[in-house]
C-alpha cells in the first residue's frame, strides 16, 4: 500500500506530507525558543543594577559564526536548486559545504565554551574581585611541601591509594587578569576603559569565593549556555540528517528522485530555522 502525498501536494493544503510535518514541528520549536527568549527578557529586566554582564563574550568569534551559518543557508538552497536542475554531482559538492560549515560552527563554539571554563573570577574577603584566566595554583601537603598545579583543584584534594591518601590544601592561586572594586566594574565596563592584565597571586586566606564562567557563575551565563547549548544540539541534529540524506540516503535519487528532492527541501527548512534562531541569539547575547 502506497502512502499518498509523499511526492505530490495535497489539493487542500498545497503541501506534501513531509512539508506539513516539518512546519508543524517548526511551530513547536518556535514555542520552545520563544519561551526561552521570554525568560531571558524577564530575567534581564529584573536584574539588579550592575549584575547583568556586558562584553563578556567574544564578539569577533560570534560574528564569524554568524557568517558561517548564513553561508550554510545559501548553500542549502543552492544544493536543492541543483537537484531541481537534475545536477546531482553539483548538489553533492554544494551540500558538502553546508556540512563543513556546521562543523566549523561547532568547532568555533567549542573554543568559546573552553574559554569560559578557563575564565576565572575570585571574590576576595576585602570586597574586591580579580577577574581573568587562572594560570596556576599552589597546594601544601601535611608536611608543608609545595605542589604546583596548572589549574584549580578545589580548596583541598586527596591522592594516592585508599587508606593512605595524601591530602593537599590550597595555599594560593595565580590569575592573569585585573582587579576590580565591584562586580559592576567587571560586568558593565565603561566605554573606552581598558584594564591592564597582569598576574595576581592570591593567598587562600584572602579568597572568599572562586569559580569559572560556567553556567553556575551567574544568571547570564546560565542563560548563555542554555540557549547556545540547545542551539548547538539543533545544529548537530540538522547536520546528521543532512549528512544522511547526502550520504547513505542518496540511493533514493535513483529510485525516487522527486521524493529525494522533497527530503532535501524539508531538511533545508529545518536548517533555515536553526540559522534564524542564531540570528536572534547573536545580537541578544553578544551585542545588547
Foldseek 3Di string as FASTA:
>chain_A
DDDPQLFAHDPVPRHGDLQVVLVVVVVVVCVVVVVLVVVVVVCVVPDDPLPAAAQPFDLVLLVVLLVLLVQLLVLLVVLLVCLVVVNNVVNLVSNVSSLVSLVVNVVSVVVRQVLQQQWKKFQWPVQKIWTAGWQKFWKAWPVRDIDIDRHDDDQKDWDDDPPDTIIIGTFKTKGFGAMGNHSSCRRPPDPPDDGHTDIDIGTPVGTPDMGGRDLPPDVLNVSVCVLVVVLSVLSVVLSVQSVCLSPVVVVVCVVPVSSSSVSSVSSSVSSVSSSVSSVVVSCVNHPD
